[in-house]
Amino acid sequence: MIDLESIRSYCLKKGGKITEEFPFDDEVLVFKVFGKIFLLTNINGIPLSFNLKCDPERASELRERYASITPAWHMNKKMWNTVAIDGTVPEKLVHDLIDHSYEEVVRKLPKKLLDKVKK
């Protein structure tokens, strides 16, 4: 089952310097790798949903396939999706999308940080 705690646990197991913080208010939990955001979620949102970075072409394909994947509010809608956890997106895909978001951020890190991610 996907809930806030399982998402949190999954994010914190990623490689590199992962942080979780509330930089905007006391409701929006942000996960970063080396200071760069890869997932945001409103801890009080019903249903649970979160924003993930995504390759623009893939982002568009996902939106066409799943009604619960939409352009992310207050984000670059070309590269960020909101995924609502309403039972229509398989758990494996949710994890794949978190991995993809993380990888999209990591691949743009400076080389010296990339080496630390791989360790």
C-alpha atoms as a PDB file:
ATOM      1  CA  MET A   1       0.000   0.000   0.000  1.00  0.00           C
ATOM      2  CA  ILE A   2       1.228   3.458  -0.854  1.00  0.00           C
ATOM      3  CA  ASP A   3       0.983   5.990   1.929  1.00  0.00           C
ATOM      4  CA  LEU A   4       3.040   8.969   3.069  1.00  0.00           C
ATOM      5  CA  GLU A   5       5.315   6.873   5.275  1.00  0.00           C
ATOM      6  CA  SER A   6       6.079   4.359   2.511  1.00  0.00           C
ATOM      7  CA  ILE A   7       6.906   7.203   0.095  1.00  0.00           C
ATOM      8  CA  ARG A   8       9.090   8.841   2.728  1.00  0.00           C
ATOM      9  CA  SER A   9      10.932   5.601   3.434  1.00  0.00           C
ATOM     10  CA  TYR A  10      11.421   4.918  -0.280  1.00  0.00           C
ATOM     11  CA  CYS A  11      12.874   8.396  -0.891  1.00  0.00           C
ATOM     12  CA  LEU A  12      15.246   8.252   2.074  1.00  0.00           C
ATOM     13  CA  LYS A  13      16.778   4.982   0.792  1.00  0.00           C
ATOM     14  CA  LYS A  14      17.991   6.632  -2.409  1.00  0.00           C
ATOM     15  CA  GLY A  15      21.731   7.204  -2.885  1.00  0.00           C
ATOM     16  CA  GLY A  16      23.490  10.493  -2.283  1.00  0.00           C
ATOM     17  CA  LYS A  17      22.809  13.112   0.323  1.00  0.00           C
ATOM     18  CA  ILE A  18      19.019  12.898   0.698  1.00  0.00           C
ATOM     19  CA  THR A  19      17.277  15.480   2.847  1.00  0.00           C
ATOM     20  CA  GLU A  20      13.675  16.010   3.796  1.00  0.00           C
ATOM     21  CA  GLU A  21      12.448  19.417   4.852  1.00  0.00           C
ATOM     22  CA  PHE A  22       9.555  21.851   4.979  1.00  0.00           C
ATOM     23  CA  PRO A  23      11.040  24.876   3.149  1.00  0.00           C
ATOM     24  CA  PHE A  24       7.729  26.529   2.203  1.00  0.00           C
ATOM     25  CA  ASP A  25       5.358  25.908   5.114  1.00  0.00           C
ATOM     26  CA  ASP A  26       4.468  23.202   7.627  1.00  0.00           C
ATOM     27  CA  GLU A  27       2.486  21.115   5.100  1.00  0.00           C
ATOM     28  CA  VAL A  28       4.694  20.726   2.015  1.00  0.00           C
ATOM     29  CA  LEU A  29       7.324  18.048   2.575  1.00  0.00           C
ATOM     30  CA  VAL A  30      10.217  18.227   0.113  1.00  0.00           C
ATOM     31  CA  PHE A  31      12.804  15.564  -0.665  1.00  0.00           C
ATOM     32  CA  LYS A  32      16.110  16.683  -2.146  1.00  0.00           C
ATOM     33  CA  VAL A  33      19.281  15.036  -3.372  1.00  0.00           C
ATOM     34  CA  PHE A  34      22.309  17.266  -2.787  1.00  0.00           C
ATOM     35  CA  GLY A  35      19.957  20.234  -2.354  1.00  0.00           C
ATOM     36  CA  LYS A  36      17.919  19.643  -5.541  1.00  0.00           C
ATOM     37  CA  ILE A  37      14.211  18.778  -5.276  1.00  0.00           C
ATOM     38  CA  PHE A  38      13.034  15.460  -6.689  1.00  0.00           C
ATOM     39  CA  LEU A  39       9.704  15.040  -4.819  1.00  0.00           C
ATOM     40  CA  LEU A  40       7.229  17.358  -3.075  1.00  0.00           C
ATOM     41  CA  THR A  41       4.054  16.378  -1.254  1.00  0.00           C
ATOM     42  CA  ASN A  42       1.411  18.021   0.888  1.00  0.00           C
ATOM     43  CA  ILE A  43       1.326  15.882   4.032  1.00  0.00           C
ATOM     44  CA  ASN A  44      -2.346  16.772   4.590  1.00  0.00           C
ATOM     45  CA  GLY A  45      -3.491  16.209   1.002  1.00  0.00           C
ATOM     46  CA  ILE A  46      -6.400  13.844   0.410  1.00  0.00           C
ATOM     47  CA  PRO A  47      -5.861  11.844  -1.624  1.00  0.00           C
ATOM     48  CA  LEU A  48      -2.111  11.696  -1.134  1.00  0.00           C
ATOM     49  CA  SER A  49      -0.358  13.205  -4.137  1.00  0.00           C
ATOM     50  CA  PHE A  50       3.137  14.342  -4.944  1.00  0.00           C
ATOM     51  CA  ASN A  51       5.055  16.199  -7.629  1.00  0.00           C
ATOM     52  CA  LEU A  52       7.839  14.437  -9.504  1.00  0.00           C
ATOM     53  CA  LYS A  53      10.270  15.608 -12.163  1.00  0.00           C
ATOM     54  CA  CYS A  54       9.875  13.785 -15.460  1.00  0.00           C
ATOM     55  CA  ASP A  55      11.289  13.724 -18.958  1.00  0.00           C
ATOM     56  CA  PRO A  56       8.878  16.000 -20.919  1.00  0.00           C
ATOM     57  CA  GLU A  57       7.944  13.362 -23.495  1.00  0.00           C
ATOM     58  CA  ARG A  58       7.302  10.740 -20.830  1.00  0.00           C
ATOM     59  CA  ALA A  59       5.387  13.277 -18.725  1.00  0.00           C
ATOM     60  CA  SER A  60       2.984  13.863 -21.585  1.00  0.00           C
ATOM     61  CA  GLU A  61       2.522  10.131 -22.231  1.00  0.00           C
ATOM     62  CA  LEU A  62       1.760   9.470 -18.563  1.00  0.00           C
ATOM     63  CA  ARG A  63      -0.855  12.250 -18.472  1.00  0.00           C
ATOM     64  CA  GLU A  64      -2.591  10.754 -21.488  1.00  0.00           C
ATOM     65  CA  ARG A  65      -2.641   7.281 -19.960  1.00  0.00           C
ATOM     66  CA  TYR A  66      -3.575   8.063 -16.329  1.00  0.00           C
ATOM     67  CA  ALA A  67      -6.208  10.586 -15.261  1.00  0.00           C
ATOM     68  CA  SER A  68      -4.528  10.784 -11.846  1.00  0.00           C
ATOM     69  CA  ILE A  69      -1.247  12.050 -13.372  1.00  0.00           C
ATOM     70  CA  THR A  70      -1.543  15.728 -14.213  1.00  0.00           C
ATOM     71  CA  PRO A  71       0.736  18.733 -14.836  1.00  0.00           C
ATOM     72  CA  ALA A  72       2.183  19.836 -11.498  1.00  0.00           C
ATOM     73  CA  TRP A  73       0.708  22.941  -9.948  1.00  0.00           C
ATOM     74  CA  HIS A  74       3.238  25.761  -9.322  1.00  0.00           C
ATOM     75  CA  MET A  75       5.949  23.843 -11.202  1.00  0.00           C
ATOM     76  CA  ASN A  76       7.264  23.776 -14.761  1.00  0.00           C
ATOM     77  CA  LYS A  77       4.383  21.807 -16.273  1.00  0.00           C
ATOM     78  CA  LYS A  78       6.595  20.540 -19.061  1.00  0.00           C
ATOM     79  CA  MET A  79       8.856  18.608 -16.680  1.00  0.00           C
ATOM     80  CA  TRP A  80       6.845  18.075 -13.487  1.00  0.00           C
ATOM     81  CA  ASN A  81       3.819  15.857 -12.896  1.00  0.00           C
ATOM     82  CA  THR A  82       1.484  15.487  -9.949  1.00  0.00           C
ATOM     83  CA  VAL A  83       0.690  11.856  -9.175  1.00  0.00           C
ATOM     84  CA  ALA A  84      -2.483  11.342  -7.115  1.00  0.00           C
ATOM     85  CA  ILE A  85      -2.567   8.099  -5.154  1.00  0.00           C
ATOM     86  CA  ASP A  86      -6.139   7.052  -5.841  1.00  0.00           C
ATOM     87  CA  GLY A  87      -5.574   3.392  -6.703  1.00  0.00           C
ATOM     88  CA  THR A  88      -5.350   3.873 -10.469  1.00  0.00           C
ATOM     89  CA  VAL A  89      -1.555   4.073 -10.714  1.00  0.00           C
ATOM     90  CA  PRO A  90       0.176   0.761  -9.919  1.00  0.00           C
ATOM     91  CA  GLU A  91       2.576   0.795  -6.964  1.00  0.00           C
ATOM     92  CA  LYS A  92       5.452  -0.392  -9.147  1.00  0.00           C
ATOM     93  CA  LEU A  93       4.891   2.548 -11.507  1.00  0.00           C
ATOM     94  CA  VAL A  94       4.826   4.962  -8.551  1.00  0.00           C
ATOM     95  CA  HIS A  95       8.246   3.653  -7.473  1.00  0.00           C
ATOM     96  CA  ASP A  96       9.511   3.805 -11.058  1.00  0.00           C
ATOM     97  CA  LEU A  97       8.367   7.436 -11.298  1.00  0.00           C
ATOM     98  CA  ILE A  98      10.116   8.339  -8.040  1.00  0.00           C
ATOM     99  CA  ASP A  99      13.270   6.659  -9.360  1.00  0.00           C
ATOM    100  CA  HIS A 100      12.934   8.521 -12.648  1.00  0.00           C
ATOM    101  CA  SER A 101      12.505  11.874 -10.901  1.00  0.00           C
ATOM    102  CA  TYR A 102      15.541  11.199  -8.722  1.00  0.00           C
ATOM    103  CA  GLU A 103      17.587  10.183 -11.782  1.00  0.00           C
ATOM    104  CA  GLU A 104      16.471  13.268 -13.737  1.00  0.00           C
ATOM    105  CA  VAL A 105      17.824  15.446 -10.926  1.00  0.00           C
ATOM    106  CA  VAL A 106      20.989  13.407 -10.306  1.00  0.00           C
ATOM    107  CA  ARG A 107      22.073  13.357 -13.942  1.00  0.00           C
ATOM    108  CA  LYS A 108      22.279  17.161 -13.920  1.00  0.00           C
ATOM    109  CA  LEU A 109      24.477  17.326 -10.819  1.00  0.00           C
ATOM    110  CA  PRO A 110      28.118  18.403 -11.128  1.00  0.00           C
ATOM    111  CA  LYS A 111      30.529  15.485 -11.671  1.00  0.00           C
ATOM    112  CA  LYS A 112      32.035  15.735  -8.170  1.00  0.00           C
ATOM    113  CA  LEU A 113      28.565  15.155  -6.675  1.00  0.00           C
ATOM    114  CA  LEU A 114      27.706  12.426  -9.190  1.00  0.00           C
ATOM    115  CA  ASP A 115      30.667  10.438  -7.897  1.00  0.00           C
ATOM    116  CA  LYS A 116      29.287  10.702  -4.342  1.00  0.00           C
ATOM    117  CA  VAL A 117      25.853   9.453  -5.473  1.00  0.00           C
ATOM    118  CA  LYS A 118      27.389   6.309  -6.951  1.00  0.00           C
ATOM    119  CA  LYS A 119      29.197   5.395  -3.712  1.00  0.00           C
END
